[in-house]
C-alpha atoms as a PDB file:
ATOM      1  CA  MET A   1     125.326  63.147 140.117  1.00  0.00           C
ATOM      2  CA  GLY A   2     125.186  66.250 138.209  1.00  0.00           C
ATOM      3  CA  ARG A   3     122.431  69.208 137.498  1.00  0.00           C
ATOM      4  CA  ALA A   4     120.302  68.567 134.817  1.00  0.00           C
ATOM      5  CA  GLY A   5     121.509  69.008 131.274  1.00  0.00           C
ATOM      6  CA  GLY A   6     124.972  67.727 132.220  1.00  0.00           C
ATOM      7  CA  GLU A   7     126.230  70.857 133.583  1.00  0.00           C
ATOM      8  CA  ARG A   8     128.940  70.069 136.625  1.00  0.00           C
ATOM      9  CA  GLN A   9     128.893  72.145 139.330  1.00  0.00           C
ATOM     10  CA  ASP A  10     132.687  72.503 140.720  1.00  0.00           C
ATOM     11  CA  CYS A  11     134.931  75.146 141.814  1.00  0.00           C
ATOM     12  CA  CYS A  12     135.125  76.826 138.211  1.00  0.00           C
ATOM     13  CA  SER A  13     131.388  77.071 137.028  1.00  0.00           C
ATOM     14  CA  ARG A  14     130.095  80.385 135.834  1.00  0.00           C
ATOM     15  CA  ARG A  15     128.145  80.854 139.133  1.00  0.00           C
ATOM     16  CA  SER A  16     130.789  80.249 141.664  1.00  0.00           C
ATOM     17  CA  PRO A  17     132.676  83.463 143.127  1.00  0.00           C
ATOM     18  CA  ASN A  18     135.756  81.427 142.786  1.00  0.00           C
ATOM     19  CA  ARG A  19     135.660  81.095 138.939  1.00  0.00           C
ATOM     20  CA  GLY A  20     139.016  80.357 137.666  1.00  0.00           C
ATOM     21  CA  ARG A  21     140.761  79.364 140.786  1.00  0.00           C
ATOM     22  CA  ARG A  22     141.323  75.875 142.119  1.00  0.00           C
ATOM     23  CA  PRO A  23     141.735  74.915 145.753  1.00  0.00           C
ATOM     24  CA  VAL A  24     145.082  74.221 147.223  1.00  0.00           C
ATOM     25  CA  GLN A  25     145.464  70.082 146.680  1.00  0.00           C
ATOM     26  CA  TYR A  26     148.723  69.706 148.183  1.00  0.00           C
ATOM     27  CA  ASN A  27     150.210  69.587 151.885  1.00  0.00           C
ATOM     28  CA  ALA A  28     153.662  69.322 152.465  1.00  0.00           C
ATOM     29  CA  PRO A  29     154.988  66.279 154.634  1.00  0.00           C
ATOM     30  CA  PHE A  30     155.226  67.003 158.343  1.00  0.00           C
ATOM     31  CA  TRP A  31     159.036  67.090 158.265  1.00  0.00           C
ATOM     32  CA  VAL A  32     158.826  69.999 155.551  1.00  0.00           C
ATOM     33  CA  GLN A  33     156.507  71.587 157.667  1.00  0.00           C
ATOM     34  CA  LEU A  34     158.809  71.459 161.017  1.00  0.00           C
ATOM     35  CA  LEU A  35     161.843  72.518 158.509  1.00  0.00           C
ATOM     36  CA  VAL A  36     160.461  75.799 157.453  1.00  0.00           C
ATOM     37  CA  THR A  37     158.217  76.616 160.340  1.00  0.00           C
ATOM     38  CA  GLY A  38     160.593  75.768 163.260  1.00  0.00           C
ATOM     39  CA  PRO A  39     163.350  78.300 162.468  1.00  0.00           C
ATOM     40  CA  PHE A  40     160.784  81.181 160.906  1.00  0.00           C
ATOM     41  CA  MET A  41     159.107  81.062 164.559  1.00  0.00           C
ATOM     42  CA  LEU A  42     162.355  81.307 166.080  1.00  0.00           C
ATOM     43  CA  LEU A  43     163.561  84.254 163.688  1.00  0.00           C
ATOM     44  CA  THR A  44     160.513  86.240 163.909  1.00  0.00           C
ATOM     45  CA  CYS A  45     159.541  85.789 168.016  1.00  0.00           C
ATOM     46  CA  ILE A  46     163.173  85.928 169.436  1.00  0.00           C
ATOM     47  CA  PRO A  47     165.066  89.122 168.214  1.00  0.00           C
ATOM     48  CA  PRO A  48     162.454  91.512 168.845  1.00  0.00           C
ATOM     49  CA  LEU A  49     162.379  90.435 172.870  1.00  0.00           C
ATOM     50  CA  ARG A  50     165.414  92.878 173.792  1.00  0.00           C
ATOM     51  CA  PRO A  51     163.935  95.843 171.915  1.00  0.00           C
ATOM     52  CA  LEU A  52     160.566  95.441 173.691  1.00  0.00           C
ATOM     53  CA  LYS A  53     161.849  94.726 177.057  1.00  0.00           C
ATOM     54  CA  GLY A  54     164.109  97.684 176.674  1.00  0.00           C
ATOM     55  CA  TRP A  55     160.633  99.923 175.873  1.00  0.00           C
ATOM     56  CA  LEU A  56     159.054  98.498 178.458  1.00  0.00           C
ATOM     57  CA  VAL A  57     161.475  99.267 181.276  1.00  0.00           C
ATOM     58  CA  ALA A  58     162.351 102.923 179.566  1.00  0.00           C
ATOM     59  CA  SER A  59     158.545 103.366 179.862  1.00  0.00           C
ATOM     60  CA  GLN A  60     158.417 102.255 183.496  1.00  0.00           C
ATOM     61  CA  PHE A  61     161.299 104.975 184.157  1.00  0.00           C
ATOM     62  CA  PHE A  62     159.859 107.552 182.132  1.00  0.00           C
ATOM     63  CA  TYR A  63     156.476 107.763 183.921  1.00  0.00           C
ATOM     64  CA  LYS A  64     158.412 106.904 187.456  1.00  0.00           C
ATOM     65  CA  ALA A  65     156.570 103.369 187.914  1.00  0.00           C
ATOM     66  CA  GLU A  66     156.784 102.050 191.681  1.00  0.00           C
ATOM     67  CA  GLU A  67     155.813  98.512 193.363  1.00  0.00           C
ATOM     68  CA  GLY A  68     152.254  98.361 193.439  1.00  0.00           C
ATOM     69  CA  LYS A  69     150.577  98.978 196.945  1.00  0.00           C
ATOM     70  CA  SER A  70     147.260  97.304 198.309  1.00  0.00           C
ATOM     71  CA  VAL A  71     144.620 100.072 198.988  1.00  0.00           C
ATOM     72  CA  ARG A  72     142.380  99.177 201.466  1.00  0.00           C
ATOM     73  CA  LYS A  73     139.342 101.000 202.800  1.00  0.00           C
ATOM     74  CA  PRO A  74     139.023 102.160 206.205  1.00  0.00           C
ATOM     75  CA  ALA A  75     136.699 100.052 208.717  1.00  0.00           C
ATOM     76  CA  ALA A  76     133.397 101.544 208.310  1.00  0.00           C
ATOM     77  CA  SER A  77     133.062 103.159 212.254  1.00  0.00           C
ATOM     78  CA  PRO A  78     129.828 102.754 213.886  1.00  0.00           C
ATOM     79  CA  PRO A  79     127.001 105.525 213.302  1.00  0.00           C
ATOM     80  CA  ALA A  80     127.690 108.471 215.483  1.00  0.00           C
ATOM     81  CA  ALA A  81     125.351 109.301 218.235  1.00  0.00           C
ATOM     82  CA  PRO A  82     122.691 112.217 217.447  1.00  0.00           C
ATOM     83  CA  PRO A  83     123.598 115.343 219.903  1.00  0.00           C
ATOM     84  CA  ALA A  84     122.271 115.400 223.177  1.00  0.00           C
ATOM     85  CA  THR A  85     119.607 117.855 223.720  1.00  0.00           C
ATOM     86  CA  ILE A  86     119.038 119.489 227.215  1.00  0.00           C
END
């Protein structure tokens, strides 16, 4: 059950780092979470998209960005023949 001497170990004991604080024991219903979280996510994610896109386009213009190009190393040529001696 508990410790010797009838002392109970819980969140509010003297040795606990969370002394005086109780753990959260309430969970909102699912529909309340949707009602609060949905608009919050839309209001914090959608509005910054336009300024961020403008910043991206402006930085591409500033740094004169161009279309990416594939860079291929030239094919290795056969080793050169040693110079002929006469």
